[in-house]
Amino acid sequence: MQKKEIAIFSGSFNPIHAGHLILASYIGSFTQIDEVWLVVSPHNPLKEENGLLGEQHRLEMVRSALAPYSNLAASDVEFHLPRPSYTVDTLDHLTALYPEKRFTLIIGADNWNQLPLWKEHERLLGSYPMLIYPRLGEEVHIPNELCDRVELLDAPLVEISSSFIRRSIREGRDMRAFVPERAYELILQNGWYR
């Protein structure tokens, strides 16, 4: 029996926005991937923790935003792993938990270009296929020996940042076009990012 193809899209999702949904939906609809799991990271070791909304609130937003989609799911797997969480450990843990599934990593072109800074990046490359999504101003070079495992997606280029959304909410701007409706309702109801 063929293993179900799951793509892992990790992020702070602080907050989840239309760009995240467009990318996850594109991968779920236009690639061989069966499901995309958005893994809410408690804290990215390569990013500052300032202004990070609590992990349960971010998970709640992601779950609510993904509710209408049958092939997109929220995951809190990293909440139960040692911190800081490293991608290679998360993928190893998921592979052990779900041996009937095959995991692929989704990363942005910016992260691809920083991959040598990641924990055990060579083992990560050797163990898990990768889908790279384009980012403005980021050139992507995939060595020939990795072309069977690493693919640059022809995904829509959506340059929306969570920091832009947080700043705009603080300024009292209406961001409903940028944030999935259910997640935006939670932000407004709870006064998050004010």
N, C-alpha and C. Protein backbone atom coordinates (compact mmCIF):
# COMPACT_ATOMS: atom_id res chain seq x y z
N MET A 1 0.84 -1.20 0.00
CA MET A 1 0.00 0.00 0.00
C MET A 1 0.88 1.25 0.00
N GLN A 2 0.51 2.21 -0.83
CA GLN A 2 1.29 3.44 -0.94
C GLN A 2 1.07 4.32 0.28
N LYS A 3 2.17 4.91 0.78
CA LYS A 3 2.07 5.78 1.94
C LYS A 3 1.39 7.09 1.57
N LYS A 4 0.59 7.60 2.50
CA LYS A 4 -0.06 8.89 2.31
C LYS A 4 1.01 9.99 2.38
N GLU A 5 0.95 10.92 1.44
CA GLU A 5 1.94 12.01 1.36
C GLU A 5 1.48 13.21 2.18
N ILE A 6 2.24 13.53 3.22
CA ILE A 6 1.92 14.66 4.10
C ILE A 6 3.02 15.70 3.98
N ALA A 7 2.65 16.94 3.71
CA ALA A 7 3.62 18.03 3.69
C ALA A 7 3.52 18.81 4.99
N ILE A 8 4.67 19.09 5.57
CA ILE A 8 4.75 19.81 6.84
C ILE A 8 5.14 21.25 6.57
N PHE A 9 4.28 22.16 7.01
CA PHE A 9 4.48 23.60 6.85
C PHE A 9 4.57 24.17 8.26
N SER A 10 5.79 24.40 8.74
CA SER A 10 5.98 24.90 10.10
C SER A 10 6.04 26.41 10.11
N GLY A 11 5.58 26.98 11.19
CA GLY A 11 5.66 28.43 11.33
C GLY A 11 5.12 28.89 12.66
N SER A 12 5.38 30.16 12.93
CA SER A 12 4.83 30.77 14.15
C SER A 12 3.33 31.04 13.96
N PHE A 13 2.94 31.36 12.73
CA PHE A 13 1.55 31.71 12.42
C PHE A 13 1.04 32.73 13.44
N ASN A 14 1.74 33.87 13.45
CA ASN A 14 1.53 34.90 14.48
C ASN A 14 1.10 36.24 13.85
N PRO A 15 -0.08 36.32 13.19
CA PRO A 15 -1.11 35.30 13.04
C PRO A 15 -1.00 34.59 11.68
N ILE A 16 -1.82 33.54 11.53
CA ILE A 16 -1.99 32.91 10.22
C ILE A 16 -2.61 33.96 9.30
N HIS A 17 -2.21 33.95 8.02
CA HIS A 17 -2.77 34.95 7.10
C HIS A 17 -3.08 34.32 5.74
N ALA A 18 -3.63 35.13 4.85
CA ALA A 18 -4.06 34.65 3.53
C ALA A 18 -2.91 34.02 2.76
N GLY A 19 -1.70 34.53 2.90
CA GLY A 19 -0.55 33.97 2.20
C GLY A 19 -0.29 32.53 2.61
N HIS A 20 -0.39 32.25 3.92
CA HIS A 20 -0.21 30.87 4.40
C HIS A 20 -1.26 29.95 3.78
N LEU A 21 -2.51 30.41 3.78
CA LEU A 21 -3.61 29.60 3.25
C LEU A 21 -3.47 29.36 1.75
N ILE A 22 -3.09 30.38 1.02
CA ILE A 22 -2.92 30.25 -0.43
C ILE A 22 -1.84 29.22 -0.73
N LEU A 23 -0.71 29.31 -0.03
CA LEU A 23 0.39 28.38 -0.27
C LEU A 23 0.00 26.95 0.11
N ALA A 24 -0.57 26.77 1.29
CA ALA A 24 -0.96 25.42 1.73
C ALA A 24 -2.00 24.82 0.79
N SER A 25 -2.95 25.63 0.38
CA SER A 25 -4.01 25.18 -0.53
C SER A 25 -3.43 24.83 -1.91
N TYR A 26 -2.49 25.64 -2.38
CA TYR A 26 -1.83 25.38 -3.66
C TYR A 26 -1.13 24.01 -3.61
N ILE A 27 -0.37 23.77 -2.54
CA ILE A 27 0.37 22.51 -2.42
C ILE A 27 -0.58 21.32 -2.32
N GLY A 28 -1.69 21.50 -1.59
CA GLY A 28 -2.67 20.44 -1.45
C GLY A 28 -3.44 20.15 -2.73
N SER A 29 -3.48 21.13 -3.64
CA SER A 29 -4.26 20.97 -4.88
C SER A 29 -3.43 20.73 -6.13
N PHE A 30 -2.18 21.20 -6.16
CA PHE A 30 -1.40 21.18 -7.40
C PHE A 30 -0.12 20.34 -7.33
N THR A 31 0.05 19.57 -6.25
CA THR A 31 1.22 18.69 -6.15
C THR A 31 0.73 17.28 -5.81
N GLN A 32 1.66 16.37 -5.61
CA GLN A 32 1.32 14.98 -5.26
C GLN A 32 0.94 14.84 -3.79
N ILE A 33 0.98 15.93 -3.04
CA ILE A 33 0.72 15.89 -1.59
C ILE A 33 -0.76 15.64 -1.32
N ASP A 34 -1.05 14.72 -0.38
CA ASP A 34 -2.43 14.42 0.00
C ASP A 34 -2.97 15.40 1.04
N GLU A 35 -2.12 15.74 2.02
CA GLU A 35 -2.54 16.66 3.09
C GLU A 35 -1.38 17.58 3.44
N VAL A 36 -1.73 18.80 3.85
CA VAL A 36 -0.73 19.74 4.37
C VAL A 36 -1.05 19.97 5.83
N TRP A 37 -0.05 19.73 6.68
CA TRP A 37 -0.19 19.97 8.12
C TRP A 37 0.56 21.24 8.47
N LEU A 38 -0.15 22.22 9.01
CA LEU A 38 0.49 23.45 9.48
C LEU A 38 0.90 23.23 10.93
N VAL A 39 2.19 23.13 11.15
CA VAL A 39 2.75 22.85 12.48
C VAL A 39 3.04 24.18 13.16
N VAL A 40 2.30 24.46 14.23
CA VAL A 40 2.49 25.70 14.98
C VAL A 40 3.73 25.53 15.86
N SER A 41 4.73 26.36 15.62
CA SER A 41 5.98 26.28 16.37
C SER A 41 5.89 27.13 17.63
N PRO A 42 6.21 26.53 18.79
CA PRO A 42 6.22 27.33 20.01
C PRO A 42 7.18 28.51 19.89
N HIS A 43 8.39 28.24 19.34
CA HIS A 43 9.37 29.31 19.13
C HIS A 43 10.42 28.84 18.14
N ASN A 44 10.60 29.58 17.06
CA ASN A 44 11.63 29.28 16.06
C ASN A 44 12.98 29.69 16.63
N PRO A 45 13.95 28.74 16.73
CA PRO A 45 15.25 29.08 17.31
C PRO A 45 16.01 30.17 16.55
N LEU A 46 15.64 30.41 15.28
CA LEU A 46 16.33 31.43 14.50
C LEU A 46 15.59 32.78 14.50
N LYS A 47 14.53 32.89 15.32
CA LYS A 47 13.77 34.14 15.36
C LYS A 47 13.65 34.66 16.79
N GLU A 48 13.42 35.97 16.90
CA GLU A 48 13.16 36.59 18.20
C GLU A 48 11.80 36.15 18.71
N GLU A 49 11.67 36.07 20.04
CA GLU A 49 10.40 35.64 20.62
C GLU A 49 9.48 36.83 20.92
N ASN A 50 10.00 38.06 20.77
CA ASN A 50 9.22 39.27 21.08
C ASN A 50 7.92 39.30 20.29
N GLY A 51 6.83 39.65 20.96
CA GLY A 51 5.55 39.83 20.29
C GLY A 51 4.88 38.55 19.86
N LEU A 52 5.35 37.42 20.39
CA LEU A 52 4.77 36.13 20.00
C LEU A 52 3.55 35.85 20.87
N LEU A 53 2.39 35.76 20.23
CA LEU A 53 1.16 35.43 20.95
C LEU A 53 1.29 34.00 21.50
N GLY A 54 0.63 33.72 22.61
CA GLY A 54 0.70 32.40 23.23
C GLY A 54 0.41 31.28 22.23
N GLU A 55 1.10 30.16 22.40
CA GLU A 55 1.00 29.06 21.43
C GLU A 55 -0.41 28.51 21.30
N GLN A 56 -1.17 28.43 22.40
CA GLN A 56 -2.54 27.90 22.32
C GLN A 56 -3.44 28.84 21.52
N HIS A 57 -3.22 30.15 21.66
CA HIS A 57 -4.00 31.12 20.89
C HIS A 57 -3.68 31.00 19.40
N ARG A 58 -2.40 30.83 19.07
CA ARG A 58 -2.02 30.70 17.66
C ARG A 58 -2.56 29.40 17.08
N LEU A 59 -2.52 28.33 17.88
CA LEU A 59 -3.08 27.05 17.43
C LEU A 59 -4.59 27.18 17.18
N GLU A 60 -5.27 27.87 18.08
CA GLU A 60 -6.72 28.08 17.93
C GLU A 60 -7.03 28.83 16.63
N MET A 61 -6.21 29.85 16.33
CA MET A 61 -6.41 30.61 15.08
C MET A 61 -6.20 29.72 13.86
N VAL A 62 -5.13 28.91 13.89
CA VAL A 62 -4.83 28.04 12.74
C VAL A 62 -5.95 27.02 12.56
N ARG A 63 -6.37 26.40 13.66
CA ARG A 63 -7.46 25.41 13.56
C ARG A 63 -8.73 26.03 12.99
N SER A 64 -9.07 27.22 13.47
CA SER A 64 -10.30 27.86 12.99
C SER A 64 -10.18 28.24 11.51
N ALA A 65 -8.99 28.71 11.10
CA ALA A 65 -8.79 29.11 9.71
C ALA A 65 -8.85 27.91 8.75
N LEU A 66 -8.41 26.74 9.23
CA LEU A 66 -8.34 25.56 8.36
C LEU A 66 -9.61 24.73 8.38
N ALA A 67 -10.54 25.05 9.26
CA ALA A 67 -11.76 24.24 9.41
C ALA A 67 -12.48 23.96 8.09
N PRO A 68 -12.59 24.92 7.17
CA PRO A 68 -13.32 24.63 5.92
C PRO A 68 -12.57 23.73 4.92
N TYR A 69 -11.30 23.41 5.18
CA TYR A 69 -10.48 22.69 4.20
C TYR A 69 -10.27 21.23 4.63
N SER A 70 -10.62 20.30 3.75
CA SER A 70 -10.53 18.87 4.11
C SER A 70 -9.10 18.34 4.07
N ASN A 71 -8.22 18.98 3.29
CA ASN A 71 -6.85 18.45 3.17
C ASN A 71 -5.80 19.31 3.87
N LEU A 72 -6.26 20.24 4.73
CA LEU A 72 -5.35 21.06 5.53
C LEU A 72 -5.66 20.82 7.00
N ALA A 73 -4.62 20.69 7.82
CA ALA A 73 -4.83 20.42 9.25
C ALA A 73 -3.81 21.18 10.08
N ALA A 74 -4.21 21.51 11.31
CA ALA A 74 -3.31 22.15 12.27
C ALA A 74 -2.66 21.07 13.12
N SER A 75 -1.41 21.28 13.47
CA SER A 75 -0.70 20.32 14.33
C SER A 75 0.00 21.05 15.47
N ASP A 76 -0.12 20.47 16.66
CA ASP A 76 0.58 21.01 17.84
C ASP A 76 1.71 20.09 18.27
N VAL A 77 2.22 19.28 17.35
CA VAL A 77 3.24 18.27 17.68
C VAL A 77 4.43 18.88 18.41
N GLU A 78 4.84 20.10 18.01
CA GLU A 78 6.03 20.69 18.63
C GLU A 78 5.79 21.18 20.05
N PHE A 79 4.51 21.28 20.47
CA PHE A 79 4.21 21.67 21.85
C PHE A 79 4.67 20.57 22.81
N HIS A 80 4.79 19.35 22.29
CA HIS A 80 5.08 18.17 23.12
C HIS A 80 6.51 17.68 22.97
N LEU A 81 7.34 18.46 22.29
CA LEU A 81 8.74 18.09 22.08
C LEU A 81 9.65 19.03 22.87
N PRO A 82 10.89 18.61 23.13
CA PRO A 82 11.82 19.52 23.82
C PRO A 82 11.99 20.83 23.06
N ARG A 83 12.26 21.90 23.83
CA ARG A 83 12.40 23.22 23.21
C ARG A 83 13.82 23.72 23.33
N PRO A 84 14.30 24.51 22.37
CA PRO A 84 13.56 24.89 21.16
C PRO A 84 13.34 23.70 20.24
N SER A 85 12.34 23.80 19.38
CA SER A 85 12.03 22.70 18.48
C SER A 85 12.83 22.86 17.19
N TYR A 86 13.39 21.75 16.75
CA TYR A 86 14.17 21.73 15.52
C TYR A 86 13.44 20.87 14.50
N THR A 87 13.42 21.31 13.25
CA THR A 87 12.65 20.66 12.21
C THR A 87 12.99 19.18 12.05
N VAL A 88 14.27 18.85 12.09
CA VAL A 88 14.68 17.46 11.90
C VAL A 88 14.09 16.57 13.01
N ASP A 89 14.05 17.10 14.25
CA ASP A 89 13.48 16.33 15.37
C ASP A 89 11.97 16.17 15.19
N THR A 90 11.30 17.22 14.73
CA THR A 90 9.86 17.17 14.50
C THR A 90 9.53 16.12 13.45
N LEU A 91 10.25 16.13 12.34
CA LEU A 91 10.00 15.17 11.26
C LEU A 91 10.31 13.74 11.70
N ASP A 92 11.38 13.56 12.46
CA ASP A 92 11.71 12.22 12.99
C ASP A 92 10.59 11.73 13.90
N HIS A 93 10.09 12.62 14.75
CA HIS A 93 9.02 12.26 15.69
C HIS A 93 7.74 11.88 14.94
N LEU A 94 7.38 12.68 13.94
CA LEU A 94 6.18 12.40 13.15
C LEU A 94 6.31 11.08 12.38
N THR A 95 7.50 10.82 11.85
CA THR A 95 7.74 9.58 11.11
C THR A 95 7.59 8.36 12.03
N ALA A 96 8.07 8.50 13.27
CA ALA A 96 7.92 7.41 14.24
C ALA A 96 6.46 7.23 14.65
N LEU A 97 5.74 8.35 14.81
CA LEU A 97 4.33 8.30 15.21
C LEU A 97 3.43 7.75 14.11
N TYR A 98 3.74 8.10 12.86
CA TYR A 98 2.88 7.74 11.73
C TYR A 98 3.70 7.02 10.65
N PRO A 99 4.10 5.77 10.89
CA PRO A 99 4.94 5.06 9.91
C PRO A 99 4.23 4.82 8.57
N GLU A 100 2.90 4.94 8.57
CA GLU A 100 2.13 4.73 7.33
C GLU A 100 2.10 5.98 6.45
N LYS A 101 2.73 7.08 6.90
CA LYS A 101 2.73 8.33 6.14
C LYS A 101 4.16 8.68 5.72
N ARG A 102 4.27 9.42 4.63
CA ARG A 102 5.56 9.91 4.16
C ARG A 102 5.56 11.43 4.29
N PHE A 103 6.55 11.97 4.97
CA PHE A 103 6.58 13.40 5.25
C PHE A 103 7.54 14.16 4.35
N THR A 104 7.05 15.29 3.86
CA THR A 104 7.81 16.22 3.02
C THR A 104 7.81 17.56 3.74
N LEU A 105 8.93 18.27 3.65
CA LEU A 105 9.03 19.57 4.31
C LEU A 105 8.79 20.69 3.30
N ILE A 106 7.96 21.66 3.70
CA ILE A 106 7.73 22.87 2.91
C ILE A 106 8.58 23.98 3.54
N ILE A 107 9.43 24.61 2.73
CA ILE A 107 10.19 25.76 3.25
C ILE A 107 10.23 26.87 2.21
N GLY A 108 10.40 28.08 2.69
CA GLY A 108 10.53 29.22 1.80
C GLY A 108 11.93 29.31 1.22
N ALA A 109 12.06 30.02 0.11
CA ALA A 109 13.37 30.19 -0.52
C ALA A 109 14.36 30.82 0.44
N ASP A 110 13.88 31.71 1.31
CA ASP A 110 14.77 32.35 2.30
C ASP A 110 15.34 31.31 3.26
N ASN A 111 14.48 30.37 3.72
CA ASN A 111 14.96 29.32 4.62
C ASN A 111 15.86 28.33 3.89
N TRP A 112 15.55 28.03 2.63
CA TRP A 112 16.40 27.15 1.85
C TRP A 112 17.83 27.71 1.80
N ASN A 113 17.93 29.03 1.61
CA ASN A 113 19.25 29.66 1.52
C ASN A 113 19.96 29.73 2.87
N GLN A 114 19.22 29.52 3.96
CA GLN A 114 19.80 29.50 5.31
C GLN A 114 19.94 28.07 5.85
N LEU A 115 19.63 27.09 5.05
CA LEU A 115 19.58 25.70 5.54
C LEU A 115 20.86 25.24 6.25
N PRO A 116 22.05 25.65 5.82
CA PRO A 116 23.25 25.23 6.54
C PRO A 116 23.26 25.64 8.02
N LEU A 117 22.44 26.62 8.41
CA LEU A 117 22.35 27.03 9.82
C LEU A 117 21.44 26.10 10.63
N TRP A 118 20.67 25.25 9.97
CA TRP A 118 19.70 24.39 10.64
C TRP A 118 20.39 23.19 11.27
N LYS A 119 19.81 22.72 12.35
CA LYS A 119 20.33 21.54 13.03
C LYS A 119 20.30 20.33 12.08
N GLU A 120 21.45 19.64 11.99
CA GLU A 120 21.57 18.42 11.19
C GLU A 120 20.97 18.58 9.79
N HIS A 121 21.30 19.70 9.14
CA HIS A 121 20.68 19.99 7.84
C HIS A 121 21.00 18.94 6.78
N GLU A 122 22.19 18.32 6.87
CA GLU A 122 22.53 17.30 5.86
C GLU A 122 21.68 16.05 6.04
N ARG A 123 21.44 15.65 7.30
CA ARG A 123 20.57 14.49 7.54
C ARG A 123 19.13 14.83 7.14
N LEU A 124 18.71 16.06 7.43
CA LEU A 124 17.38 16.52 7.03
C LEU A 124 17.21 16.38 5.51
N LEU A 125 18.19 16.86 4.77
CA LEU A 125 18.15 16.77 3.30
C LEU A 125 18.15 15.33 2.81
N GLY A 126 18.89 14.47 3.50
CA GLY A 126 18.98 13.08 3.09
C GLY A 126 17.77 12.25 3.46
N SER A 127 17.03 12.70 4.47
CA SER A 127 15.92 11.89 5.00
C SER A 127 14.54 12.32 4.50
N TYR A 128 14.39 13.59 4.15
CA TYR A 128 13.04 14.10 3.84
C TYR A 128 13.05 14.91 2.54
N PRO A 129 12.07 14.64 1.65
CA PRO A 129 11.93 15.49 0.46
C PRO A 129 11.54 16.91 0.88
N MET A 130 11.82 17.88 0.02
CA MET A 130 11.49 19.27 0.32
C MET A 130 10.81 19.94 -0.86
N LEU A 131 9.85 20.78 -0.54
CA LEU A 131 9.19 21.65 -1.50
C LEU A 131 9.55 23.08 -1.10
N ILE A 132 10.13 23.82 -2.03
CA ILE A 132 10.54 25.20 -1.74
C ILE A 132 9.57 26.14 -2.42
N TYR A 133 9.03 27.10 -1.64
CA TYR A 133 8.17 28.11 -2.26
C TYR A 133 8.96 29.40 -2.49
N PRO A 134 8.67 30.08 -3.60
CA PRO A 134 9.45 31.27 -3.95
C PRO A 134 9.21 32.42 -2.97
N ARG A 135 10.25 33.22 -2.79
CA ARG A 135 10.16 34.45 -2.01
C ARG A 135 10.81 35.55 -2.84
N LEU A 136 10.23 36.73 -2.77
CA LEU A 136 10.72 37.88 -3.52
C LEU A 136 12.20 38.14 -3.18
N GLY A 137 13.02 38.28 -4.20
CA GLY A 137 14.43 38.62 -3.99
C GLY A 137 15.32 37.46 -3.57
N GLU A 138 14.77 36.23 -3.54
CA GLU A 138 15.57 35.07 -3.13
C GLU A 138 15.81 34.15 -4.33
N GLU A 139 17.07 34.01 -4.72
CA GLU A 139 17.45 33.07 -5.77
C GLU A 139 17.52 31.68 -5.17
N VAL A 140 17.08 30.68 -5.91
CA VAL A 140 17.14 29.30 -5.42
C VAL A 140 18.00 28.48 -6.36
N HIS A 141 19.04 27.87 -5.79
CA HIS A 141 19.88 26.94 -6.55
C HIS A 141 19.76 25.56 -5.89
N ILE A 142 19.34 24.57 -6.66
CA ILE A 142 19.24 23.20 -6.15
C ILE A 142 20.32 22.38 -6.83
N PRO A 143 21.30 21.87 -6.06
CA PRO A 143 22.35 21.05 -6.66
C PRO A 143 21.76 19.84 -7.39
N ASN A 144 22.40 19.43 -8.48
CA ASN A 144 21.90 18.32 -9.30
C ASN A 144 21.62 17.06 -8.49
N GLU A 145 22.48 16.78 -7.52
CA GLU A 145 22.32 15.55 -6.74
C GLU A 145 21.08 15.57 -5.83
N LEU A 146 20.46 16.75 -5.67
CA LEU A 146 19.27 16.86 -4.82
C LEU A 146 17.98 17.00 -5.62
N CYS A 147 18.08 17.08 -6.95
CA CYS A 147 16.90 17.36 -7.77
C CYS A 147 15.80 16.30 -7.68
N ASP A 148 16.15 15.09 -7.25
CA ASP A 148 15.12 14.06 -7.10
C ASP A 148 14.40 14.17 -5.75
N ARG A 149 14.92 15.02 -4.86
CA ARG A 149 14.36 15.14 -3.50
C ARG A 149 13.86 16.55 -3.17
N VAL A 150 14.34 17.53 -3.91
CA VAL A 150 14.05 18.94 -3.62
C VAL A 150 13.45 19.58 -4.87
N GLU A 151 12.32 20.25 -4.69
CA GLU A 151 11.62 20.85 -5.84
C GLU A 151 11.26 22.29 -5.53
N LEU A 152 11.54 23.17 -6.48
CA LEU A 152 11.10 24.55 -6.39
C LEU A 152 9.71 24.64 -6.99
N LEU A 153 8.76 25.08 -6.19
CA LEU A 153 7.36 25.17 -6.63
C LEU A 153 7.12 26.39 -7.50
N ASP A 154 6.20 26.25 -8.41
CA ASP A 154 5.75 27.39 -9.21
C ASP A 154 4.50 27.96 -8.54
N ALA A 155 4.61 28.18 -7.24
CA ALA A 155 3.46 28.64 -6.44
C ALA A 155 3.29 30.15 -6.59
N PRO A 156 2.06 30.64 -6.37
CA PRO A 156 1.85 32.09 -6.40
C PRO A 156 2.74 32.79 -5.38
N LEU A 157 3.30 33.91 -5.77
CA LEU A 157 4.16 34.70 -4.90
C LEU A 157 3.29 35.68 -4.12
N VAL A 158 3.09 35.39 -2.83
CA VAL A 158 2.24 36.24 -1.99
C VAL A 158 3.10 36.80 -0.88
N GLU A 159 3.38 38.08 -0.98
CA GLU A 159 4.26 38.70 0.02
C GLU A 159 3.43 39.44 1.07
N ILE A 160 2.93 38.67 2.04
CA ILE A 160 2.24 39.25 3.19
C ILE A 160 3.02 38.76 4.40
N SER A 161 3.31 39.63 5.34
CA SER A 161 4.02 39.17 6.53
C SER A 161 3.13 39.33 7.76
N SER A 162 3.33 38.42 8.69
CA SER A 162 2.58 38.49 9.95
C SER A 162 2.93 39.76 10.71
N SER A 163 4.19 40.21 10.60
CA SER A 163 4.58 41.44 11.33
C SER A 163 3.84 42.65 10.76
N PHE A 164 3.64 42.70 9.44
CA PHE A 164 2.86 43.77 8.82
C PHE A 164 1.42 43.75 9.35
N ILE A 165 0.85 42.55 9.48
CA ILE A 165 -0.52 42.42 9.98
C ILE A 165 -0.61 42.85 11.44
N ARG A 166 0.33 42.40 12.27
CA ARG A 166 0.33 42.78 13.69
C ARG A 166 0.43 44.30 13.85
N ARG A 167 1.36 44.90 13.11
CA ARG A 167 1.55 46.35 13.18
C ARG A 167 0.28 47.08 12.74
N SER A 168 -0.34 46.61 11.67
CA SER A 168 -1.55 47.26 11.14
C SER A 168 -2.71 47.14 12.12
N ILE A 169 -2.84 45.99 12.79
CA ILE A 169 -3.91 45.82 13.79
C ILE A 169 -3.68 46.78 14.95
N ARG A 170 -2.40 46.91 15.38
CA ARG A 170 -2.08 47.86 16.47
C ARG A 170 -2.46 49.29 16.08
N GLU A 171 -2.33 49.59 14.78
CA GLU A 171 -2.66 50.94 14.29
C GLU A 171 -4.16 51.11 14.05
N GLY A 172 -4.94 50.05 14.33
CA GLY A 172 -6.39 50.14 14.19
C GLY A 172 -6.91 49.94 12.77
N ARG A 173 -6.09 49.39 11.90
CA ARG A 173 -6.51 49.19 10.51
C ARG A 173 -7.34 47.91 10.36
N ASP A 174 -8.20 47.89 9.36
CA ASP A 174 -9.04 46.73 9.07
C ASP A 174 -8.23 45.74 8.23
N MET A 175 -7.94 44.57 8.80
CA MET A 175 -7.09 43.59 8.12
C MET A 175 -7.87 42.35 7.70
N ARG A 176 -9.19 42.46 7.59
CA ARG A 176 -10.00 41.27 7.29
C ARG A 176 -9.69 40.63 5.94
N ALA A 177 -9.18 41.40 4.98
CA ALA A 177 -8.84 40.83 3.67
C ALA A 177 -7.53 40.03 3.72
N PHE A 178 -6.75 40.23 4.79
CA PHE A 178 -5.43 39.60 4.89
C PHE A 178 -5.41 38.37 5.78
N VAL A 179 -6.42 38.25 6.65
CA VAL A 179 -6.45 37.17 7.65
C VAL A 179 -7.71 36.34 7.41
N PRO A 180 -7.62 34.99 7.44
CA PRO A 180 -8.83 34.18 7.27
C PRO A 180 -9.92 34.61 8.25
N GLU A 181 -11.15 34.62 7.77
CA GLU A 181 -12.28 35.20 8.51
C GLU A 181 -12.39 34.71 9.95
N ARG A 182 -12.34 33.38 10.14
CA ARG A 182 -12.53 32.84 11.50
C ARG A 182 -11.39 33.24 12.42
N ALA A 183 -10.17 33.28 11.89
CA ALA A 183 -9.01 33.71 12.70
C ALA A 183 -9.13 35.19 13.03
N TYR A 184 -9.60 35.98 12.07
CA TYR A 184 -9.73 37.43 12.30
C TYR A 184 -10.77 37.72 13.38
N GLU A 185 -11.85 36.93 13.36
CA GLU A 185 -12.88 37.08 14.41
C GLU A 185 -12.28 36.83 15.79
N LEU A 186 -11.43 35.81 15.91
CA LEU A 186 -10.78 35.52 17.20
C LEU A 186 -9.88 36.68 17.62
N ILE A 187 -9.15 37.24 16.67
CA ILE A 187 -8.26 38.37 16.98
C ILE A 187 -9.06 39.55 17.52
N LEU A 188 -10.16 39.86 16.85
CA LEU A 188 -10.99 41.00 17.27
C LEU A 188 -11.67 40.72 18.62
N GLN A 189 -12.24 39.53 18.77
CA GLN A 189 -12.96 39.19 20.03
C GLN A 189 -12.03 39.26 21.23
N ASN A 190 -10.77 38.82 21.04
CA ASN A 190 -9.85 38.71 22.17
C ASN A 190 -8.89 39.91 22.30
N GLY A 191 -8.96 40.84 21.37
CA GLY A 191 -8.10 42.01 21.44
C GLY A 191 -6.61 41.67 21.25
N TRP A 192 -6.34 40.57 20.50
CA TRP A 192 -4.94 40.19 20.28
C TRP A 192 -4.25 41.19 19.36
N TYR A 193 -2.98 41.42 19.61
CA TYR A 193 -2.09 42.29 18.81
C TYR A 193 -2.41 43.78 18.96
N ARG A 194 -3.25 44.13 19.93
CA ARG A 194 -3.55 45.55 20.14
C ARG A 194 -2.40 46.24 20.85
